[in-house]
C-alpha cells in the first residue's frame, strides 16, 4: 500500500505537464466550435433577412 502512494505522489508533476500540453488543444477546439456557431448564426440571419425581404416584396 505504501508503494502505491509513493508512486502516485511522484506522478503529480507529470499530470500537470500533460494538462499543460493538452489545454491549448482543448481551448483551440472550443474556440473553433464557437466560431463555427457564430458563422452558422450569421448565415441564418442573412437567410432569414432574404426570406423576409422576398415576403415583403410579394405583399
Foldseek 3Di string as FASTA:
>chain_A
DVVVVVVVVVCPVVVVVVCVVCVVVVVVVVVVVVVVVVVVVVVVVVVVVVVVVVVVVVD
